[in-house]
Every structure is written in C-alpha cells, then in structure tokens.
C-alpha cells in the first residue's frame, strides 16, 4: 500500500528544500528532465505549456532553454516550491517565458482549451483523485492537444537496476530502487488501469517504459 494515500498532495516545508536539492544534484533526475524537455520540444515549437506538479521548476526551465516561442506555466500546491521555482527561473534568466503559480490541479482556474500541451513528471502518485486531475487537464487542453504524464515504475525489470548501476553507480541505483519499491511509484498495470477508467475523458492514450524505471503516458484529446 502506498503511503501517499495518507499524506498531503503537496510536499510540505521543510521537505521542499530537500526535494529541490535532490532534484538539482541527482544525475538521474537531471537526465529525466532533459529527456522530457527534448520530448516536449519534438512535439511543439510554439504555444502554451502547462507543467502540473512543477516542484522546483527545473523542467519548465529546461524546456524554455530548448524552445523559444513558448509560454510555460508551472503549477504546484506548495507555496514554498513555487518560491523555489521562481528563484531558479531568475537565476536561469528566463523569467519572461516561464511563470510559476500556486494552483490546485483538482480544480484549476484556467479557462477551457488554453494549453497546447500539458506535462507532469513524478506527481501522478501524489494525486488523491487522479481521474479528477486528468479530466481537468483534458479541460484546459486545446482540441488535438497532448498530455505527457511521467511516473516511476514499481515493477521495473531487474535489468533496469543493472542499467542504473552502470550509468550512475550503485549508490544512486539503490536509492532509486528503494524509492520506487517503498514510496513514489506505480506498477505498469496500476498506471494503465487508472488511465483506462471509463471516467477518464482521455479515450486515446499509450503507455511505455521510456527509460529504466520511468513510464511515459501520452494522452490525446
């Protein structure tokens, strides 16, 4: 049973500071953000992008470095995370195209059909009512827009752990393995079952393991 069921959806202070530090220093996390940013850049070259559960804002910053003609809004329930994200954007010198806002993804204040693409990395397991959030994402997406949802995979094959050891070393590999085993992760079947719920307004989606321990869901409006 995942402990997120008994925790708040947002990461509370001072855990926000540890999370931001870990996300900045971990090569596994940095590579994940770079991969997602490149994937986003392959799908859209202009328009508006929403990052749900942005945390310290590293993904929107990475996307802004790759794409010039986009406006990126990162949202998070944690006011402290948003403060950290704003400071990170200022340091990166890209505050003009990236904006961070405290926002509840369960009922966003944005109008219908205003975003060209929505992305979320590693926050799905925090959502108490994932279908409600998914349907909110569907609502704010423009027709024919896409949502990219990334989550850690709990039932990853053993080969994934060996790959992590070779690429990042045993310490990081074991840390990621423990994280997905006991905390922040879903099995592929759990992920697929939730997305396949009849209440989910996204009727077209695909799921794959895009990288060891990481699942990528592409949802089409």
C-alpha atoms as a PDB file:
ATOM      1  CA  UNK A   1       0.000   0.000   0.000  1.00  0.00           C
ATOM      2  CA  UNK A   2       1.427   3.394  -0.996  1.00  0.00           C
ATOM      3  CA  UNK A   3       1.892   5.884   1.831  1.00  0.00           C
ATOM      4  CA  UNK A   4       0.847   8.805  -0.421  1.00  0.00           C
ATOM      5  CA  UNK A   5      -2.752   7.896   0.391  1.00  0.00           C
ATOM      6  CA  UNK A   6      -2.130   9.198   3.907  1.00  0.00           C
ATOM      7  CA  UNK A   7      -0.009  12.238   3.015  1.00  0.00           C
ATOM      8  CA  UNK A   8      -0.994  15.687   1.691  1.00  0.00           C
ATOM      9  CA  UNK A   9      -0.806  16.096  -2.077  1.00  0.00           C
ATOM     10  CA  UNK A  10       1.810  18.826  -1.758  1.00  0.00           C
ATOM     11  CA  UNK A  11       5.308  18.362  -0.373  1.00  0.00           C
ATOM     12  CA  UNK A  12       5.378  20.307   2.930  1.00  0.00           C
ATOM     13  CA  UNK A  13       8.123  22.630   4.161  1.00  0.00           C
ATOM     14  CA  UNK A  14      10.941  21.892   5.011  1.00  0.00           C
ATOM     15  CA  UNK A  15      10.843  18.716   2.889  1.00  0.00           C
ATOM     16  CA  UNK A  16      10.545  21.027  -0.123  1.00  0.00           C
ATOM     17  CA  UNK A  17      14.141  22.167   0.394  1.00  0.00           C
ATOM     18  CA  UNK A  18      15.476  18.605   0.498  1.00  0.00           C
ATOM     19  CA  UNK A  19      13.466  17.665  -2.597  1.00  0.00           C
ATOM     20  CA  UNK A  20      14.728  20.711  -4.514  1.00  0.00           C
ATOM     21  CA  UNK A  21      18.318  19.942  -3.530  1.00  0.00           C
ATOM     22  CA  UNK A  22      17.961  16.291  -4.511  1.00  0.00           C
ATOM     23  CA  UNK A  23      16.345  17.160  -7.852  1.00  0.00           C
ATOM     24  CA  UNK A  24      19.180  19.577  -8.627  1.00  0.00           C
ATOM     25  CA  UNK A  25      22.026  17.307  -7.583  1.00  0.00           C
ATOM     26  CA  UNK A  26      20.803  13.896  -8.759  1.00  0.00           C
ATOM     27  CA  UNK A  27      22.069  12.971 -12.250  1.00  0.00           C
ATOM     28  CA  UNK A  28      19.113  10.574 -12.587  1.00  0.00           C
ATOM     29  CA  UNK A  29      16.629  13.420 -12.084  1.00  0.00           C
ATOM     30  CA  UNK A  30      18.561  15.842 -14.294  1.00  0.00           C
ATOM     31  CA  UNK A  31      18.644  13.289 -17.133  1.00  0.00           C
ATOM     32  CA  UNK A  32      14.909  12.709 -16.669  1.00  0.00           C
ATOM     33  CA  UNK A  33      14.144  16.430 -17.037  1.00  0.00           C
ATOM     34  CA  UNK A  34      16.388  16.691 -20.098  1.00  0.00           C
ATOM     35  CA  UNK A  35      14.679  13.698 -21.722  1.00  0.00           C
ATOM     36  CA  UNK A  36      11.195  15.119 -21.082  1.00  0.00           C
ATOM     37  CA  UNK A  37      12.207  18.583 -22.305  1.00  0.00           C
ATOM     38  CA  UNK A  38      13.541  17.099 -25.547  1.00  0.00           C
ATOM     39  CA  UNK A  39      10.346  15.078 -25.957  1.00  0.00           C
ATOM     40  CA  UNK A  40       8.246  18.212 -25.488  1.00  0.00           C
ATOM     41  CA  UNK A  41      10.432  20.082 -27.995  1.00  0.00           C
ATOM     42  CA  UNK A  42       9.840  17.310 -30.538  1.00  0.00           C
ATOM     43  CA  UNK A  43       6.077  17.808 -30.262  1.00  0.00           C
ATOM     44  CA  UNK A  44       5.640  21.584 -30.052  1.00  0.00           C
ATOM     45  CA  UNK A  45       7.683  24.609 -31.133  1.00  0.00           C
ATOM     46  CA  UNK A  46       5.322  27.370 -30.037  1.00  0.00           C
ATOM     47  CA  UNK A  47       2.268  27.909 -27.864  1.00  0.00           C
ATOM     48  CA  UNK A  48       1.413  27.442 -24.185  1.00  0.00           C
ATOM     49  CA  UNK A  49       2.617  24.598 -21.994  1.00  0.00           C
ATOM     50  CA  UNK A  50       1.394  23.652 -18.510  1.00  0.00           C
ATOM     51  CA  UNK A  51       3.581  21.703 -16.075  1.00  0.00           C
ATOM     52  CA  UNK A  52       1.438  20.085 -13.362  1.00  0.00           C
ATOM     53  CA  UNK A  53       3.276  19.490 -10.084  1.00  0.00           C
ATOM     54  CA  UNK A  54       6.276  21.523 -11.192  1.00  0.00           C
ATOM     55  CA  UNK A  55       8.148  21.284  -7.886  1.00  0.00           C
ATOM     56  CA  UNK A  56      11.331  23.389  -8.021  1.00  0.00           C
ATOM     57  CA  UNK A  57      10.642  24.281 -11.648  1.00  0.00           C
ATOM     58  CA  UNK A  58      13.583  22.576 -13.320  1.00  0.00           C
ATOM     59  CA  UNK A  59      11.518  21.058 -16.136  1.00  0.00           C
ATOM     60  CA  UNK A  60       9.944  24.344 -17.380  1.00  0.00           C
ATOM     61  CA  UNK A  61      13.398  25.943 -17.246  1.00  0.00           C
ATOM     62  CA  UNK A  62      14.854  23.097 -19.315  1.00  0.00           C
ATOM     63  CA  UNK A  63      12.013  23.356 -21.844  1.00  0.00           C
ATOM     64  CA  UNK A  64      12.488  27.122 -22.153  1.00  0.00           C
ATOM     65  CA  UNK A  65      16.160  26.562 -22.968  1.00  0.00           C
ATOM     66  CA  UNK A  66      15.169  24.375 -25.916  1.00  0.00           C
ATOM     67  CA  UNK A  67      12.127  26.238 -27.275  1.00  0.00           C
ATOM     68  CA  UNK A  68      11.966  29.990 -27.788  1.00  0.00           C
ATOM     69  CA  UNK A  69       8.355  30.636 -28.810  1.00  0.00           C
ATOM     70  CA  UNK A  70       6.529  29.134 -25.854  1.00  0.00           C
ATOM     71  CA  UNK A  71       4.956  30.340 -22.647  1.00  0.00           C
ATOM     72  CA  UNK A  72       5.335  27.808 -19.836  1.00  0.00           C
ATOM     73  CA  UNK A  73       3.306  27.834 -16.639  1.00  0.00           C
ATOM     74  CA  UNK A  74       4.386  25.584 -13.790  1.00  0.00           C
ATOM     75  CA  UNK A  75       1.876  24.920 -11.015  1.00  0.00           C
ATOM     76  CA  UNK A  76       2.233  23.324  -7.600  1.00  0.00           C
ATOM     77  CA  UNK A  77       0.189  23.150  -4.402  1.00  0.00           C
ATOM     78  CA  UNK A  78       3.202  24.061  -2.290  1.00  0.00           C
ATOM     79  CA  UNK A  79       3.833  27.815  -1.895  1.00  0.00           C
ATOM     80  CA  UNK A  80       7.421  27.070  -0.883  1.00  0.00           C
ATOM     81  CA  UNK A  81       8.002  25.019  -4.041  1.00  0.00           C
ATOM     82  CA  UNK A  82       6.728  27.932  -6.113  1.00  0.00           C
ATOM     83  CA  UNK A  83       9.077  30.311  -4.277  1.00  0.00           C
ATOM     84  CA  UNK A  84      11.992  27.988  -5.062  1.00  0.00           C
ATOM     85  CA  UNK A  85      10.902  27.658  -8.699  1.00  0.00           C
ATOM     86  CA  UNK A  86      10.715  31.439  -9.150  1.00  0.00           C
ATOM     87  CA  UNK A  87      14.215  31.867  -7.739  1.00  0.00           C
ATOM     88  CA  UNK A  88      15.518  29.141 -10.048  1.00  0.00           C
ATOM     89  CA  UNK A  89      13.948  30.854 -13.071  1.00  0.00           C
ATOM     90  CA  UNK A  90      15.543  34.161 -12.073  1.00  0.00           C
ATOM     91  CA  UNK A  91      18.945  32.503 -11.779  1.00  0.00           C
ATOM     92  CA  UNK A  92      18.457  30.943 -15.226  1.00  0.00           C
ATOM     93  CA  UNK A  93      17.475  34.321 -16.701  1.00  0.00           C
ATOM     94  CA  UNK A  94      14.256  33.103 -18.326  1.00  0.00           C
ATOM     95  CA  UNK A  95      11.520  34.679 -16.211  1.00  0.00           C
ATOM     96  CA  UNK A  96       9.917  36.255 -19.283  1.00  0.00           C
ATOM     97  CA  UNK A  97       8.737  32.938 -20.738  1.00  0.00           C
ATOM     98  CA  UNK A  98       8.297  30.870 -17.587  1.00  0.00           C
ATOM     99  CA  UNK A  99       5.733  31.582 -14.868  1.00  0.00           C
ATOM    100  CA  UNK A 100       5.074  29.690 -11.640  1.00  0.00           C
ATOM    101  CA  UNK A 101       1.789  29.747  -9.735  1.00  0.00           C
ATOM    102  CA  UNK A 102       0.309  28.104  -6.638  1.00  0.00           C
ATOM    103  CA  UNK A 103      -2.556  26.096  -8.069  1.00  0.00           C
ATOM    104  CA  UNK A 104      -4.642  23.039  -7.212  1.00  0.00           C
ATOM    105  CA  UNK A 105      -4.701  20.671 -10.179  1.00  0.00           C
ATOM    106  CA  UNK A 106      -8.004  19.217  -8.950  1.00  0.00           C
ATOM    107  CA  UNK A 107      -9.830  22.405  -9.958  1.00  0.00           C
ATOM    108  CA  UNK A 108      -7.645  24.776 -11.953  1.00  0.00           C
ATOM    109  CA  UNK A 109      -8.737  28.370 -12.534  1.00  0.00           C
ATOM    110  CA  UNK A 110      -7.657  28.358 -16.172  1.00  0.00           C
ATOM    111  CA  UNK A 111     -10.270  28.625 -18.899  1.00  0.00           C
ATOM    112  CA  UNK A 112     -11.152  25.731 -21.193  1.00  0.00           C
ATOM    113  CA  UNK A 113      -8.865  24.848 -24.114  1.00  0.00           C
ATOM    114  CA  UNK A 114      -5.991  27.252 -23.374  1.00  0.00           C
ATOM    115  CA  UNK A 115      -2.906  24.997 -23.398  1.00  0.00           C
ATOM    116  CA  UNK A 116      -1.280  23.315 -26.383  1.00  0.00           C
ATOM    117  CA  UNK A 117       0.474  20.706 -24.252  1.00  0.00           C
ATOM    118  CA  UNK A 118       0.367  19.582 -20.614  1.00  0.00           C
ATOM    119  CA  UNK A 119       3.185  17.697 -18.916  1.00  0.00           C
ATOM    120  CA  UNK A 120       3.658  16.188 -15.466  1.00  0.00           C
ATOM    121  CA  UNK A 121       6.668  14.340 -14.059  1.00  0.00           C
ATOM    122  CA  UNK A 122       6.528  12.247 -10.922  1.00  0.00           C
ATOM    123  CA  UNK A 123       3.456  13.844  -9.367  1.00  0.00           C
ATOM    124  CA  UNK A 124       0.791  11.363 -10.514  1.00  0.00           C
ATOM    125  CA  UNK A 125       1.303   9.162  -7.439  1.00  0.00           C
ATOM    126  CA  UNK A 126       0.500  12.155  -5.189  1.00  0.00           C
ATOM    127  CA  UNK A 127      -2.935  12.768  -6.733  1.00  0.00           C
ATOM    128  CA  UNK A 128      -5.691  11.612  -4.360  1.00  0.00           C
ATOM    129  CA  UNK A 129      -8.225  11.648  -7.210  1.00  0.00           C
ATOM    130  CA  UNK A 130      -6.186  11.054 -10.380  1.00  0.00           C
ATOM    131  CA  UNK A 131      -9.225  10.915 -12.660  1.00  0.00           C
ATOM    132  CA  UNK A 132     -10.332  14.324 -11.454  1.00  0.00           C
ATOM    133  CA  UNK A 133      -6.903  15.784 -12.238  1.00  0.00           C
ATOM    134  CA  UNK A 134      -6.760  14.042 -15.610  1.00  0.00           C
ATOM    135  CA  UNK A 135     -10.164  15.457 -16.527  1.00  0.00           C
ATOM    136  CA  UNK A 136      -9.025  18.931 -15.504  1.00  0.00           C
ATOM    137  CA  UNK A 137      -6.009  18.502 -17.764  1.00  0.00           C
ATOM    138  CA  UNK A 138      -8.374  17.409 -20.540  1.00  0.00           C
ATOM    139  CA  UNK A 139     -10.490  20.514 -19.995  1.00  0.00           C
ATOM    140  CA  UNK A 140      -7.643  23.025 -20.229  1.00  0.00           C
ATOM    141  CA  UNK A 141      -6.068  21.350 -23.265  1.00  0.00           C
ATOM    142  CA  UNK A 142      -6.852  22.659 -26.718  1.00  0.00           C
ATOM    143  CA  UNK A 143      -8.538  20.278 -29.190  1.00  0.00           C
ATOM    144  CA  UNK A 144      -5.953  17.795 -30.539  1.00  0.00           C
ATOM    145  CA  UNK A 145      -3.626  18.752 -27.688  1.00  0.00           C
ATOM    146  CA  UNK A 146      -1.466  16.229 -25.866  1.00  0.00           C
ATOM    147  CA  UNK A 147      -0.698  15.438 -22.255  1.00  0.00           C
ATOM    148  CA  UNK A 148       2.549  13.712 -21.281  1.00  0.00           C
ATOM    149  CA  UNK A 149       2.428  12.032 -17.863  1.00  0.00           C
ATOM    150  CA  UNK A 150       5.600  10.503 -16.412  1.00  0.00           C
ATOM    151  CA  UNK A 151       5.761   8.265 -13.366  1.00  0.00           C
ATOM    152  CA  UNK A 152       8.268   5.936 -11.738  1.00  0.00           C
ATOM    153  CA  UNK A 153       7.656   2.247 -12.393  1.00  0.00           C
ATOM    154  CA  UNK A 154       7.482  -0.022  -9.370  1.00  0.00           C
ATOM    155  CA  UNK A 155       7.541  -3.303 -11.282  1.00  0.00           C
ATOM    156  CA  UNK A 156      10.524  -2.455 -13.485  1.00  0.00           C
ATOM    157  CA  UNK A 157      12.537  -5.496 -14.603  1.00  0.00           C
ATOM    158  CA  UNK A 158      15.798  -6.374 -12.836  1.00  0.00           C
ATOM    159  CA  UNK A 159      17.722  -5.254 -15.913  1.00  0.00           C
ATOM    160  CA  UNK A 160      16.714  -1.676 -15.089  1.00  0.00           C
ATOM    161  CA  UNK A 161      18.603  -1.804 -11.802  1.00  0.00           C
ATOM    162  CA  UNK A 162      21.723  -3.104 -13.527  1.00  0.00           C
ATOM    163  CA  UNK A 163      21.461  -0.305 -16.097  1.00  0.00           C
ATOM    164  CA  UNK A 164      21.222   2.277 -13.311  1.00  0.00           C
ATOM    165  CA  UNK A 165      24.305   0.842 -11.597  1.00  0.00           C
ATOM    166  CA  UNK A 166      26.309   1.029 -14.812  1.00  0.00           C
ATOM    167  CA  UNK A 167      25.216   4.579 -15.621  1.00  0.00           C
ATOM    168  CA  UNK A 168      25.032   6.260 -12.201  1.00  0.00           C
ATOM    169  CA  UNK A 169      26.798   3.964  -9.768  1.00  0.00           C
ATOM    170  CA  UNK A 170      25.483   1.619  -7.099  1.00  0.00           C
ATOM    171  CA  UNK A 171      24.560   4.315  -4.553  1.00  0.00           C
ATOM    172  CA  UNK A 172      22.129   6.180  -6.821  1.00  0.00           C
ATOM    173  CA  UNK A 173      20.842   2.928  -8.293  1.00  0.00           C
ATOM    174  CA  UNK A 174      19.941   1.518  -4.878  1.00  0.00           C
ATOM    175  CA  UNK A 175      18.374   4.833  -3.826  1.00  0.00           C
ATOM    176  CA  UNK A 176      16.120   4.897  -6.911  1.00  0.00           C
ATOM    177  CA  UNK A 177      15.265   1.232  -6.411  1.00  0.00           C
ATOM    178  CA  UNK A 178      14.283   1.801  -2.774  1.00  0.00           C
ATOM    179  CA  UNK A 179      12.288   4.887  -3.746  1.00  0.00           C
ATOM    180  CA  UNK A 180      10.190   3.069  -6.323  1.00  0.00           C
ATOM    181  CA  UNK A 181       9.847  -0.046  -4.154  1.00  0.00           C
ATOM    182  CA  UNK A 182       8.553   1.587  -0.998  1.00  0.00           C
ATOM    183  CA  UNK A 183       7.351   5.078  -1.843  1.00  0.00           C
ATOM    184  CA  UNK A 184       6.888   7.011  -5.072  1.00  0.00           C
ATOM    185  CA  UNK A 185       5.879   4.549  -7.750  1.00  0.00           C
ATOM    186  CA  UNK A 186       3.154   2.587  -9.504  1.00  0.00           C
ATOM    187  CA  UNK A 187       3.190  -0.676 -11.388  1.00  0.00           C
ATOM    188  CA  UNK A 188       2.601  -0.525 -15.124  1.00  0.00           C
ATOM    189  CA  UNK A 189      -0.760  -2.253 -14.605  1.00  0.00           C
ATOM    190  CA  UNK A 190      -1.845   0.245 -11.917  1.00  0.00           C
ATOM    191  CA  UNK A 191      -0.944   3.116 -14.217  1.00  0.00           C
ATOM    192  CA  UNK A 192      -2.763   1.560 -17.185  1.00  0.00           C
ATOM    193  CA  UNK A 193      -5.841   0.687 -15.113  1.00  0.00           C
ATOM    194  CA  UNK A 194      -6.219   4.250 -13.837  1.00  0.00           C
ATOM    195  CA  UNK A 195      -5.820   5.790 -17.282  1.00  0.00           C
ATOM    196  CA  UNK A 196      -8.254   3.247 -18.719  1.00  0.00           C
ATOM    197  CA  UNK A 197     -11.022   4.168 -16.274  1.00  0.00           C
ATOM    198  CA  UNK A 198     -14.359   4.885 -18.001  1.00  0.00           C
ATOM    199  CA  UNK A 199     -14.487   8.183 -16.085  1.00  0.00           C
ATOM    200  CA  UNK A 200     -11.266   9.380 -17.726  1.00  0.00           C
ATOM    201  CA  UNK A 201     -12.170  11.755 -20.571  1.00  0.00           C
ATOM    202  CA  UNK A 202      -8.962  10.864 -22.398  1.00  0.00           C
ATOM    203  CA  UNK A 203     -10.018   7.904 -24.530  1.00  0.00           C
ATOM    204  CA  UNK A 204      -6.813   7.709 -26.562  1.00  0.00           C
ATOM    205  CA  UNK A 205      -3.597   7.015 -24.720  1.00  0.00           C
ATOM    206  CA  UNK A 206      -0.481   4.872 -24.806  1.00  0.00           C
ATOM    207  CA  UNK A 207       1.988   3.826 -22.099  1.00  0.00           C
ATOM    208  CA  UNK A 208       5.581   2.703 -22.417  1.00  0.00           C
ATOM    209  CA  UNK A 209       8.700   2.499 -20.323  1.00  0.00           C
ATOM    210  CA  UNK A 210      10.673   5.304 -21.944  1.00  0.00           C
ATOM    211  CA  UNK A 211      13.723   4.832 -19.711  1.00  0.00           C
ATOM    212  CA  UNK A 212      14.644   2.403 -16.936  1.00  0.00           C
ATOM    213  CA  UNK A 213      12.187   2.853 -14.040  1.00  0.00           C
ATOM    214  CA  UNK A 214      10.264   5.617 -15.858  1.00  0.00           C
ATOM    215  CA  UNK A 215       6.850   5.216 -17.519  1.00  0.00           C
ATOM    216  CA  UNK A 216       5.611   7.647 -20.146  1.00  0.00           C
ATOM    217  CA  UNK A 217       1.907   8.035 -20.907  1.00  0.00           C
ATOM    218  CA  UNK A 218       0.833  10.029 -23.957  1.00  0.00           C
ATOM    219  CA  UNK A 219      -2.812  11.142 -23.843  1.00  0.00           C
ATOM    220  CA  UNK A 220      -4.544  12.668 -26.856  1.00  0.00           C
ATOM    221  CA  UNK A 221      -7.555  14.966 -26.689  1.00  0.00           C
END
